[in-house]
Amino acid sequence: MDDDAELPEYQIFSILRQGEEEPIGPYSQNQIVRLLNEDVIRPSDLIYYEDLGAWKPIRDVFEIHEGISNFVDEGQDKVIVGEVFRGIQQLFGEHEQVFYIAVQEKGPIHLGGLSAIALTVSRLLVAHHKSGKLELEAHLWPNVGNAYMNRKPGQSLGNFHVDLYSGTSFDVERIPQLQLERLEQIANEIRAASY
């Protein structure tokens, strides 16, 4: 199913969990999101609804449509969030829990794709579009010395700054204020929990 297509609100889904012979359901979209968040079902379990035609993995049909809605509360570009989320799942598997994705805002002169920052249970990732492809730069939390927002008062955009214990540092520029605040909060919570 095309990632830009919207599933109807009234759509009813059945789920076939791995290792089971009988499907469960019917469920609504909101119930599917809740079941995914509670680990009752997994993105690799199969899903079916009337117009689908065949059983398919939930991640191929549903997760990108509804799962990313958790990461677009502060105005993030849904298409970019979907690409980053998919990239993380493909590289690190479905067990890499994603806590937050922030997306760079377009500047007055913008060439190429936007960058994004994703915070997962074990990594801080920077996503770049290079030559039409998404590249993920991953930093394990034990290697991150500091991560914080850098914004001038009165400005709606700022930089997210990361210091690594290796002595290197980097900034992702043009992040909107609400996303900067959430990035800093979640990064500090993850770092505190990992010590």
N, C-alpha and C. Protein backbone atom coordinates (compact mmCIF):
# COMPACT_ATOMS: atom_id res chain seq x y z
N MET A 1 0.84 -1.18 0.00
CA MET A 1 0.00 0.00 0.00
C MET A 1 0.88 1.24 0.00
N ASP A 2 0.54 2.24 -0.76
CA ASP A 2 1.29 3.49 -0.84
C ASP A 2 1.29 4.19 0.51
N ASP A 3 2.47 4.63 0.96
CA ASP A 3 2.59 5.27 2.27
C ASP A 3 1.77 6.54 2.38
N ASP A 4 1.47 7.18 1.25
CA ASP A 4 0.69 8.41 1.29
C ASP A 4 -0.80 8.15 1.36
N ALA A 5 -1.24 6.91 1.08
CA ALA A 5 -2.66 6.58 1.13
C ALA A 5 -3.14 6.56 2.57
N GLU A 6 -4.34 7.02 2.77
CA GLU A 6 -4.93 7.02 4.11
C GLU A 6 -5.88 5.84 4.24
N LEU A 7 -5.80 5.12 5.33
CA LEU A 7 -6.76 4.07 5.60
C LEU A 7 -8.02 4.71 6.15
N PRO A 8 -9.21 4.25 5.72
CA PRO A 8 -10.45 4.83 6.23
C PRO A 8 -10.57 4.65 7.74
N GLU A 9 -11.13 5.65 8.41
CA GLU A 9 -11.28 5.60 9.87
C GLU A 9 -12.09 4.40 10.34
N TYR A 10 -13.07 3.99 9.54
CA TYR A 10 -13.99 2.92 9.94
C TYR A 10 -13.46 1.53 9.60
N GLN A 11 -12.28 1.44 8.97
CA GLN A 11 -11.74 0.16 8.52
C GLN A 11 -11.58 -0.81 9.69
N ILE A 12 -11.97 -2.06 9.48
CA ILE A 12 -11.85 -3.11 10.50
C ILE A 12 -10.73 -4.06 10.08
N PHE A 13 -9.86 -4.39 11.04
CA PHE A 13 -8.69 -5.22 10.76
C PHE A 13 -8.74 -6.52 11.56
N SER A 14 -8.18 -7.58 10.97
CA SER A 14 -7.94 -8.84 11.67
C SER A 14 -6.44 -9.03 11.73
N ILE A 15 -5.97 -9.66 12.80
CA ILE A 15 -4.53 -9.87 13.01
C ILE A 15 -4.26 -11.36 13.17
N LEU A 16 -3.20 -11.81 12.52
CA LEU A 16 -2.73 -13.18 12.70
C LEU A 16 -1.32 -13.09 13.29
N ARG A 17 -1.23 -13.41 14.59
CA ARG A 17 0.07 -13.32 15.26
C ARG A 17 0.95 -14.50 14.84
N GLN A 18 2.26 -14.24 14.81
CA GLN A 18 3.21 -15.29 14.43
C GLN A 18 3.07 -16.48 15.37
N GLY A 19 3.07 -17.66 14.80
CA GLY A 19 2.98 -18.89 15.59
C GLY A 19 1.56 -19.29 15.95
N GLU A 20 0.57 -18.49 15.58
CA GLU A 20 -0.82 -18.83 15.88
C GLU A 20 -1.56 -19.17 14.59
N GLU A 21 -2.60 -19.97 14.72
CA GLU A 21 -3.36 -20.38 13.54
C GLU A 21 -4.65 -19.61 13.36
N GLU A 22 -5.19 -19.06 14.43
CA GLU A 22 -6.46 -18.34 14.37
C GLU A 22 -6.24 -16.84 14.49
N PRO A 23 -6.85 -16.07 13.58
CA PRO A 23 -6.72 -14.61 13.68
C PRO A 23 -7.49 -14.06 14.88
N ILE A 24 -7.07 -12.87 15.32
CA ILE A 24 -7.77 -12.16 16.38
C ILE A 24 -8.35 -10.88 15.80
N GLY A 25 -9.38 -10.37 16.46
CA GLY A 25 -10.01 -9.14 15.98
C GLY A 25 -11.51 -9.32 15.94
N PRO A 26 -12.23 -8.43 15.37
CA PRO A 26 -11.81 -7.28 14.59
C PRO A 26 -11.35 -6.12 15.46
N TYR A 27 -10.46 -5.28 14.88
CA TYR A 27 -9.93 -4.11 15.57
C TYR A 27 -10.04 -2.87 14.70
N SER A 28 -10.12 -1.73 15.36
CA SER A 28 -10.08 -0.45 14.66
C SER A 28 -8.62 0.01 14.57
N GLN A 29 -8.37 1.09 13.83
CA GLN A 29 -7.01 1.64 13.74
C GLN A 29 -6.48 2.03 15.11
N ASN A 30 -7.29 2.70 15.91
CA ASN A 30 -6.85 3.12 17.24
C ASN A 30 -6.50 1.93 18.12
N GLN A 31 -7.27 0.85 18.00
CA GLN A 31 -6.97 -0.35 18.78
C GLN A 31 -5.66 -0.98 18.32
N ILE A 32 -5.39 -0.94 17.01
CA ILE A 32 -4.14 -1.49 16.48
C ILE A 32 -2.95 -0.72 17.05
N VAL A 33 -3.04 0.60 17.07
CA VAL A 33 -1.95 1.42 17.62
C VAL A 33 -1.72 1.05 19.08
N ARG A 34 -2.80 0.94 19.85
CA ARG A 34 -2.68 0.59 21.27
C ARG A 34 -2.04 -0.78 21.43
N LEU A 35 -2.48 -1.76 20.65
CA LEU A 35 -1.92 -3.12 20.73
C LEU A 35 -0.44 -3.14 20.36
N LEU A 36 -0.05 -2.35 19.36
CA LEU A 36 1.37 -2.25 19.00
C LEU A 36 2.17 -1.63 20.14
N ASN A 37 1.65 -0.54 20.71
CA ASN A 37 2.35 0.14 21.80
C ASN A 37 2.47 -0.73 23.04
N GLU A 38 1.49 -1.63 23.26
CA GLU A 38 1.51 -2.51 24.44
C GLU A 38 2.21 -3.83 24.16
N ASP A 39 2.77 -4.01 22.97
CA ASP A 39 3.47 -5.24 22.56
C ASP A 39 2.58 -6.47 22.57
N VAL A 40 1.27 -6.29 22.43
CA VAL A 40 0.35 -7.42 22.30
C VAL A 40 0.50 -8.01 20.91
N ILE A 41 0.71 -7.13 19.93
CA ILE A 41 1.00 -7.56 18.57
C ILE A 41 2.31 -6.91 18.15
N ARG A 42 2.93 -7.46 17.11
CA ARG A 42 4.22 -6.95 16.64
C ARG A 42 4.09 -6.51 15.18
N PRO A 43 4.97 -5.60 14.74
CA PRO A 43 4.93 -5.16 13.34
C PRO A 43 5.10 -6.30 12.34
N SER A 44 5.70 -7.42 12.76
CA SER A 44 5.89 -8.55 11.85
C SER A 44 4.67 -9.47 11.78
N ASP A 45 3.69 -9.31 12.70
CA ASP A 45 2.45 -10.09 12.62
C ASP A 45 1.70 -9.69 11.36
N LEU A 46 0.80 -10.56 10.93
CA LEU A 46 0.07 -10.31 9.69
C LEU A 46 -1.25 -9.60 9.96
N ILE A 47 -1.67 -8.78 8.99
CA ILE A 47 -2.91 -8.02 9.10
C ILE A 47 -3.72 -8.23 7.83
N TYR A 48 -5.04 -8.15 8.00
CA TYR A 48 -5.92 -8.28 6.85
C TYR A 48 -7.12 -7.36 7.02
N TYR A 49 -7.55 -6.76 5.93
CA TYR A 49 -8.84 -6.07 5.88
C TYR A 49 -9.39 -6.26 4.49
N GLU A 50 -10.67 -6.02 4.33
CA GLU A 50 -11.41 -6.40 3.13
C GLU A 50 -10.75 -5.99 1.81
N ASP A 51 -10.28 -4.77 1.70
CA ASP A 51 -9.72 -4.28 0.44
C ASP A 51 -8.25 -4.67 0.22
N LEU A 52 -7.62 -5.30 1.20
CA LEU A 52 -6.20 -5.62 1.10
C LEU A 52 -5.95 -6.79 0.14
N GLY A 53 -6.83 -7.80 0.16
CA GLY A 53 -6.71 -8.92 -0.76
C GLY A 53 -5.90 -10.09 -0.25
N ALA A 54 -4.90 -9.87 0.60
CA ALA A 54 -4.07 -10.95 1.15
C ALA A 54 -3.49 -10.50 2.49
N TRP A 55 -3.13 -11.46 3.32
CA TRP A 55 -2.49 -11.15 4.60
C TRP A 55 -1.11 -10.55 4.34
N LYS A 56 -0.79 -9.47 5.04
CA LYS A 56 0.51 -8.82 4.89
C LYS A 56 1.03 -8.43 6.27
N PRO A 57 2.38 -8.27 6.42
CA PRO A 57 2.92 -7.82 7.71
C PRO A 57 2.35 -6.44 8.09
N ILE A 58 2.07 -6.26 9.34
CA ILE A 58 1.50 -4.99 9.83
C ILE A 58 2.40 -3.83 9.41
N ARG A 59 3.72 -3.98 9.53
CA ARG A 59 4.63 -2.87 9.22
C ARG A 59 4.49 -2.42 7.77
N ASP A 60 4.09 -3.33 6.86
CA ASP A 60 3.95 -2.96 5.45
C ASP A 60 2.65 -2.22 5.17
N VAL A 61 1.65 -2.42 6.02
CA VAL A 61 0.32 -1.87 5.76
C VAL A 61 -0.04 -0.75 6.70
N PHE A 62 0.29 -0.90 7.96
CA PHE A 62 -0.31 -0.05 8.96
C PHE A 62 0.65 0.83 9.73
N GLU A 63 1.76 0.31 10.14
CA GLU A 63 2.62 1.03 11.08
C GLU A 63 3.05 2.39 10.56
N ILE A 64 3.38 2.48 9.30
CA ILE A 64 3.81 3.76 8.77
C ILE A 64 2.65 4.73 8.74
N HIS A 65 1.44 4.24 8.50
CA HIS A 65 0.28 5.12 8.47
C HIS A 65 -0.04 5.68 9.85
N GLU A 66 -0.09 4.82 10.84
CA GLU A 66 -0.54 5.25 12.16
C GLU A 66 0.59 5.39 13.17
N GLY A 67 1.60 4.51 13.09
CA GLY A 67 2.67 4.56 14.08
C GLY A 67 3.43 5.86 14.08
N ILE A 68 3.62 6.45 12.90
CA ILE A 68 4.38 7.70 12.85
C ILE A 68 3.59 8.87 13.39
N SER A 69 2.28 8.72 13.56
CA SER A 69 1.49 9.84 14.09
C SER A 69 1.98 10.22 15.48
N ASN A 70 2.63 9.27 16.19
CA ASN A 70 3.19 9.58 17.50
C ASN A 70 4.37 10.54 17.42
N PHE A 71 4.96 10.70 16.23
CA PHE A 71 6.16 11.51 16.08
C PHE A 71 5.93 12.81 15.33
N VAL A 72 4.69 13.16 15.05
CA VAL A 72 4.43 14.37 14.27
C VAL A 72 3.58 15.38 15.05
N ASP A 73 3.65 15.32 16.35
CA ASP A 73 2.87 16.23 17.20
C ASP A 73 3.36 17.67 17.13
N GLU A 74 4.62 17.89 16.82
CA GLU A 74 5.18 19.23 16.77
C GLU A 74 5.42 19.72 15.34
N GLY A 75 4.63 19.22 14.39
CA GLY A 75 4.68 19.71 13.02
C GLY A 75 5.71 19.06 12.11
N GLN A 76 6.26 17.93 12.49
CA GLN A 76 7.25 17.27 11.64
C GLN A 76 6.63 16.85 10.31
N ASP A 77 7.46 16.83 9.26
CA ASP A 77 7.04 16.37 7.95
C ASP A 77 6.80 14.86 8.02
N LYS A 78 5.55 14.45 7.77
CA LYS A 78 5.15 13.05 7.93
C LYS A 78 5.91 12.12 6.98
N VAL A 79 6.19 12.57 5.77
CA VAL A 79 6.90 11.73 4.80
C VAL A 79 8.32 11.44 5.28
N ILE A 80 9.01 12.48 5.77
CA ILE A 80 10.38 12.30 6.25
C ILE A 80 10.40 11.42 7.49
N VAL A 81 9.45 11.65 8.41
CA VAL A 81 9.37 10.82 9.61
C VAL A 81 9.17 9.36 9.21
N GLY A 82 8.30 9.12 8.23
CA GLY A 82 8.07 7.75 7.76
C GLY A 82 9.32 7.11 7.19
N GLU A 83 10.08 7.87 6.39
CA GLU A 83 11.34 7.36 5.82
C GLU A 83 12.34 7.00 6.92
N VAL A 84 12.49 7.91 7.89
CA VAL A 84 13.45 7.67 8.98
C VAL A 84 13.01 6.47 9.81
N PHE A 85 11.73 6.40 10.14
CA PHE A 85 11.21 5.29 10.94
C PHE A 85 11.45 3.96 10.22
N ARG A 86 11.14 3.92 8.92
CA ARG A 86 11.37 2.70 8.13
C ARG A 86 12.84 2.34 8.08
N GLY A 87 13.71 3.36 7.90
CA GLY A 87 15.15 3.11 7.85
C GLY A 87 15.67 2.51 9.14
N ILE A 88 15.19 3.03 10.26
CA ILE A 88 15.60 2.49 11.57
C ILE A 88 15.16 1.05 11.72
N GLN A 89 13.90 0.76 11.35
CA GLN A 89 13.37 -0.59 11.45
C GLN A 89 14.17 -1.56 10.57
N GLN A 90 14.54 -1.12 9.36
CA GLN A 90 15.28 -2.00 8.44
C GLN A 90 16.69 -2.27 8.94
N LEU A 91 17.37 -1.24 9.47
CA LEU A 91 18.74 -1.42 9.94
C LEU A 91 18.85 -2.14 11.27
N PHE A 92 17.97 -1.79 12.20
CA PHE A 92 18.14 -2.28 13.57
C PHE A 92 17.04 -3.22 14.03
N GLY A 93 16.01 -3.42 13.23
CA GLY A 93 14.94 -4.35 13.59
C GLY A 93 13.84 -3.69 14.39
N GLU A 94 12.78 -4.43 14.54
CA GLU A 94 11.58 -3.90 15.20
C GLU A 94 11.75 -3.71 16.70
N HIS A 95 12.80 -4.24 17.28
CA HIS A 95 13.01 -4.10 18.73
C HIS A 95 13.69 -2.79 19.11
N GLU A 96 14.13 -2.03 18.12
CA GLU A 96 14.75 -0.73 18.39
C GLU A 96 13.63 0.29 18.59
N GLN A 97 13.26 0.49 19.83
CA GLN A 97 12.13 1.37 20.15
C GLN A 97 12.49 2.82 19.87
N VAL A 98 11.70 3.46 19.02
CA VAL A 98 11.92 4.85 18.66
C VAL A 98 11.10 5.73 19.60
N PHE A 99 11.78 6.68 20.26
CA PHE A 99 11.10 7.59 21.19
C PHE A 99 10.69 8.90 20.53
N TYR A 100 11.51 9.40 19.60
CA TYR A 100 11.19 10.70 19.03
C TYR A 100 11.96 10.90 17.73
N ILE A 101 11.33 11.63 16.79
CA ILE A 101 11.98 12.01 15.54
C ILE A 101 11.71 13.49 15.31
N ALA A 102 12.77 14.27 15.16
CA ALA A 102 12.65 15.71 14.86
C ALA A 102 13.16 15.92 13.45
N VAL A 103 12.54 16.88 12.74
CA VAL A 103 12.89 17.11 11.34
C VAL A 103 13.29 18.57 11.14
N GLN A 104 14.37 18.75 10.42
CA GLN A 104 14.89 20.06 10.05
C GLN A 104 13.85 20.80 9.20
N GLU A 105 13.73 22.09 9.42
CA GLU A 105 12.82 22.91 8.62
C GLU A 105 13.54 23.41 7.38
N LYS A 106 12.80 23.49 6.27
CA LYS A 106 13.39 23.97 5.03
C LYS A 106 13.83 25.42 5.19
N GLY A 107 14.96 25.73 4.60
CA GLY A 107 15.45 27.10 4.61
C GLY A 107 15.00 27.83 3.35
N PRO A 108 15.34 29.12 3.25
CA PRO A 108 14.95 29.88 2.06
C PRO A 108 15.57 29.33 0.78
N ILE A 109 16.79 28.80 0.90
CA ILE A 109 17.43 28.10 -0.23
C ILE A 109 17.65 26.68 0.25
N HIS A 110 16.96 25.75 -0.39
CA HIS A 110 17.04 24.37 0.10
C HIS A 110 17.35 23.43 -1.06
N LEU A 111 18.44 22.72 -0.95
CA LEU A 111 18.83 21.74 -1.95
C LEU A 111 18.86 20.37 -1.30
N GLY A 112 18.26 19.40 -1.94
CA GLY A 112 18.28 18.04 -1.41
C GLY A 112 17.26 17.82 -0.31
N GLY A 113 17.37 16.68 0.35
CA GLY A 113 16.43 16.31 1.39
C GLY A 113 16.77 16.96 2.72
N LEU A 114 15.79 16.93 3.60
CA LEU A 114 15.98 17.48 4.94
C LEU A 114 16.65 16.45 5.83
N SER A 115 17.36 16.93 6.86
CA SER A 115 17.95 16.05 7.85
C SER A 115 16.96 15.86 9.00
N ALA A 116 17.16 14.81 9.75
CA ALA A 116 16.31 14.52 10.91
C ALA A 116 17.16 13.91 12.00
N ILE A 117 16.65 13.97 13.23
CA ILE A 117 17.30 13.35 14.39
C ILE A 117 16.29 12.40 14.99
N ALA A 118 16.72 11.17 15.25
CA ALA A 118 15.86 10.18 15.89
C ALA A 118 16.52 9.72 17.18
N LEU A 119 15.70 9.60 18.22
CA LEU A 119 16.17 9.10 19.51
C LEU A 119 15.51 7.76 19.76
N THR A 120 16.35 6.73 19.92
CA THR A 120 15.83 5.39 20.20
C THR A 120 16.31 4.96 21.57
N VAL A 121 15.90 3.79 21.97
CA VAL A 121 16.27 3.28 23.28
C VAL A 121 17.78 3.15 23.44
N SER A 122 18.51 2.88 22.34
CA SER A 122 19.95 2.67 22.47
C SER A 122 20.81 3.59 21.61
N ARG A 123 20.19 4.43 20.77
CA ARG A 123 20.98 5.24 19.84
C ARG A 123 20.41 6.63 19.64
N LEU A 124 21.31 7.56 19.31
CA LEU A 124 20.95 8.85 18.77
C LEU A 124 21.34 8.76 17.30
N LEU A 125 20.38 8.98 16.41
CA LEU A 125 20.64 8.83 14.98
C LEU A 125 20.41 10.15 14.26
N VAL A 126 21.27 10.42 13.30
CA VAL A 126 21.09 11.57 12.42
C VAL A 126 20.85 11.00 11.03
N ALA A 127 19.76 11.43 10.41
CA ALA A 127 19.39 10.96 9.08
C ALA A 127 19.66 12.07 8.07
N HIS A 128 20.37 11.75 6.99
CA HIS A 128 20.68 12.70 5.93
C HIS A 128 20.22 12.10 4.61
N HIS A 129 19.75 12.94 3.73
CA HIS A 129 19.49 12.53 2.35
C HIS A 129 20.74 12.86 1.54
N LYS A 130 21.36 11.83 0.99
CA LYS A 130 22.55 12.03 0.16
C LYS A 130 22.35 11.26 -1.14
N SER A 131 22.50 11.95 -2.24
CA SER A 131 22.33 11.35 -3.57
C SER A 131 21.00 10.62 -3.68
N GLY A 132 19.96 11.20 -3.11
CA GLY A 132 18.63 10.62 -3.21
C GLY A 132 18.36 9.46 -2.27
N LYS A 133 19.32 9.12 -1.42
CA LYS A 133 19.16 8.00 -0.49
C LYS A 133 19.22 8.51 0.94
N LEU A 134 18.54 7.81 1.82
CA LEU A 134 18.57 8.14 3.24
C LEU A 134 19.75 7.42 3.88
N GLU A 135 20.62 8.18 4.55
CA GLU A 135 21.75 7.59 5.27
C GLU A 135 21.58 7.88 6.75
N LEU A 136 21.76 6.87 7.58
CA LEU A 136 21.64 7.02 9.03
C LEU A 136 23.02 6.96 9.66
N GLU A 137 23.32 7.97 10.45
CA GLU A 137 24.55 8.05 11.22
C GLU A 137 24.16 7.74 12.67
N ALA A 138 24.63 6.61 13.20
CA ALA A 138 24.20 6.15 14.52
C ALA A 138 25.28 6.36 15.58
N HIS A 139 24.84 6.82 16.75
CA HIS A 139 25.73 7.00 17.90
C HIS A 139 25.08 6.33 19.11
N LEU A 140 25.74 5.31 19.65
CA LEU A 140 25.22 4.64 20.84
C LEU A 140 25.23 5.62 22.00
N TRP A 141 24.22 5.53 22.88
CA TRP A 141 24.12 6.48 23.99
C TRP A 141 25.36 6.52 24.88
N PRO A 142 26.03 5.39 25.16
CA PRO A 142 27.24 5.48 25.99
C PRO A 142 28.35 6.33 25.37
N ASN A 143 28.27 6.59 24.05
CA ASN A 143 29.27 7.41 23.36
C ASN A 143 28.89 8.89 23.29
N VAL A 144 27.67 9.22 23.76
CA VAL A 144 27.17 10.60 23.69
C VAL A 144 27.47 11.29 25.02
N GLY A 145 28.32 12.30 24.97
CA GLY A 145 28.67 13.04 26.18
C GLY A 145 27.62 14.06 26.56
N ASN A 146 27.05 14.73 25.58
CA ASN A 146 26.07 15.78 25.84
C ASN A 146 25.22 15.97 24.60
N ALA A 147 23.96 16.32 24.80
CA ALA A 147 23.05 16.61 23.70
C ALA A 147 22.08 17.68 24.17
N TYR A 148 22.08 18.82 23.48
CA TYR A 148 21.24 19.91 23.95
C TYR A 148 20.87 20.85 22.81
N MET A 149 19.82 21.65 23.06
CA MET A 149 19.41 22.63 22.05
C MET A 149 20.22 23.90 22.20
N ASN A 150 20.41 24.57 21.09
CA ASN A 150 21.13 25.83 21.04
C ASN A 150 20.29 26.78 20.19
N ARG A 151 19.57 27.68 20.87
CA ARG A 151 18.65 28.57 20.18
C ARG A 151 18.77 29.96 20.77
N LYS A 152 18.80 30.95 19.90
CA LYS A 152 18.85 32.34 20.36
C LYS A 152 17.46 32.78 20.79
N PRO A 153 17.36 33.56 21.88
CA PRO A 153 16.05 34.03 22.34
C PRO A 153 15.29 34.76 21.23
N GLY A 154 14.00 34.48 21.14
CA GLY A 154 13.16 35.13 20.15
C GLY A 154 13.14 34.46 18.80
N GLN A 155 13.99 33.45 18.59
CA GLN A 155 14.01 32.75 17.30
C GLN A 155 13.23 31.45 17.42
N SER A 156 12.51 31.10 16.36
CA SER A 156 11.69 29.89 16.39
C SER A 156 12.47 28.65 15.96
N LEU A 157 13.66 28.83 15.39
CA LEU A 157 14.50 27.71 14.96
C LEU A 157 15.82 27.75 15.71
N GLY A 158 16.43 26.58 15.87
CA GLY A 158 17.73 26.52 16.51
C GLY A 158 18.47 25.27 16.06
N ASN A 159 19.59 25.01 16.72
CA ASN A 159 20.41 23.85 16.42
C ASN A 159 20.30 22.84 17.55
N PHE A 160 20.42 21.56 17.19
CA PHE A 160 20.55 20.53 18.21
C PHE A 160 22.00 20.11 18.19
N HIS A 161 22.69 20.32 19.31
CA HIS A 161 24.13 20.11 19.41
C HIS A 161 24.42 18.79 20.14
N VAL A 162 25.36 18.02 19.60
CA VAL A 162 25.74 16.74 20.21
C VAL A 162 27.25 16.70 20.37
N ASP A 163 27.71 16.42 21.61
CA ASP A 163 29.12 16.19 21.89
C ASP A 163 29.32 14.70 22.12
N LEU A 164 30.30 14.13 21.44
CA LEU A 164 30.63 12.72 21.63
C LEU A 164 31.86 12.60 22.52
N TYR A 165 31.96 11.52 23.26
CA TYR A 165 33.13 11.31 24.12
C TYR A 165 34.41 11.18 23.31
N SER A 166 34.31 10.89 22.03
CA SER A 166 35.50 10.79 21.18
C SER A 166 36.15 12.15 20.94
N GLY A 167 35.46 13.23 21.36
CA GLY A 167 35.99 14.57 21.17
C GLY A 167 35.38 15.31 19.99
N THR A 168 34.60 14.62 19.19
CA THR A 168 33.94 15.28 18.07
C THR A 168 32.56 15.78 18.50
N SER A 169 32.06 16.74 17.75
CA SER A 169 30.72 17.25 18.01
C SER A 169 30.08 17.63 16.68
N PHE A 170 28.79 17.79 16.68
CA PHE A 170 28.08 18.19 15.47
C PHE A 170 26.77 18.86 15.85
N ASP A 171 26.23 19.60 14.89
CA ASP A 171 24.95 20.27 15.05
C ASP A 171 24.03 19.87 13.90
N VAL A 172 22.75 19.74 14.20
CA VAL A 172 21.74 19.65 13.16
C VAL A 172 20.98 20.96 13.26
N GLU A 173 21.04 21.73 12.18
CA GLU A 173 20.52 23.10 12.18
C GLU A 173 19.04 23.14 11.79
N ARG A 174 18.43 24.30 12.06
CA ARG A 174 17.08 24.64 11.65
C ARG A 174 16.01 23.68 12.17
N ILE A 175 16.11 23.34 13.45
CA ILE A 175 15.09 22.51 14.10
C ILE A 175 14.11 23.46 14.80
N PRO A 176 12.79 23.30 14.59
CA PRO A 176 11.81 24.16 15.26
C PRO A 176 11.87 24.02 16.79
N GLN A 177 11.53 25.10 17.47
CA GLN A 177 11.67 25.19 18.93
C GLN A 177 10.99 24.05 19.69
N LEU A 178 9.75 23.73 19.37
CA LEU A 178 9.05 22.66 20.09
C LEU A 178 9.78 21.33 19.95
N GLN A 179 10.29 21.06 18.75
CA GLN A 179 11.03 19.82 18.54
C GLN A 179 12.36 19.84 19.29
N LEU A 180 13.03 21.00 19.31
CA LEU A 180 14.28 21.13 20.08
C LEU A 180 14.06 20.81 21.54
N GLU A 181 13.00 21.37 22.11
CA GLU A 181 12.70 21.15 23.53
C GLU A 181 12.45 19.68 23.82
N ARG A 182 11.68 19.02 22.94
CA ARG A 182 11.40 17.60 23.13
C ARG A 182 12.67 16.76 22.96
N LEU A 183 13.49 17.10 21.96
CA LEU A 183 14.75 16.38 21.76
C LEU A 183 15.61 16.44 23.01
N GLU A 184 15.80 17.65 23.54
CA GLU A 184 16.65 17.82 24.72
C GLU A 184 16.08 17.05 25.92
N GLN A 185 14.78 17.15 26.13
CA GLN A 185 14.14 16.47 27.26
C GLN A 185 14.31 14.95 27.16
N ILE A 186 13.97 14.39 26.01
CA ILE A 186 14.03 12.94 25.85
C ILE A 186 15.48 12.45 25.87
N ALA A 187 16.39 13.18 25.22
CA ALA A 187 17.81 12.79 25.23
C ALA A 187 18.35 12.74 26.65
N ASN A 188 18.01 13.74 27.47
CA ASN A 188 18.47 13.77 28.87
C ASN A 188 17.87 12.62 29.67
N GLU A 189 16.60 12.30 29.42
CA GLU A 189 15.96 11.18 30.13
C GLU A 189 16.62 9.86 29.76
N ILE A 190 16.90 9.64 28.48
CA ILE A 190 17.52 8.39 28.04
C ILE A 190 18.93 8.29 28.61
N ARG A 191 19.70 9.39 28.53
CA ARG A 191 21.06 9.37 29.04
C ARG A 191 21.08 9.11 30.55
N ALA A 192 20.16 9.72 31.29
CA ALA A 192 20.09 9.51 32.75
C ALA A 192 19.74 8.06 33.08
N ALA A 193 18.86 7.47 32.30
CA ALA A 193 18.44 6.08 32.54
C ALA A 193 19.54 5.08 32.18
N SER A 194 20.46 5.47 31.29
CA SER A 194 21.49 4.53 30.87
C SER A 194 22.71 4.52 31.80
N TYR A 195 22.73 5.40 32.79
CA TYR A 195 23.86 5.42 33.74
C TYR A 195 23.55 4.63 34.97
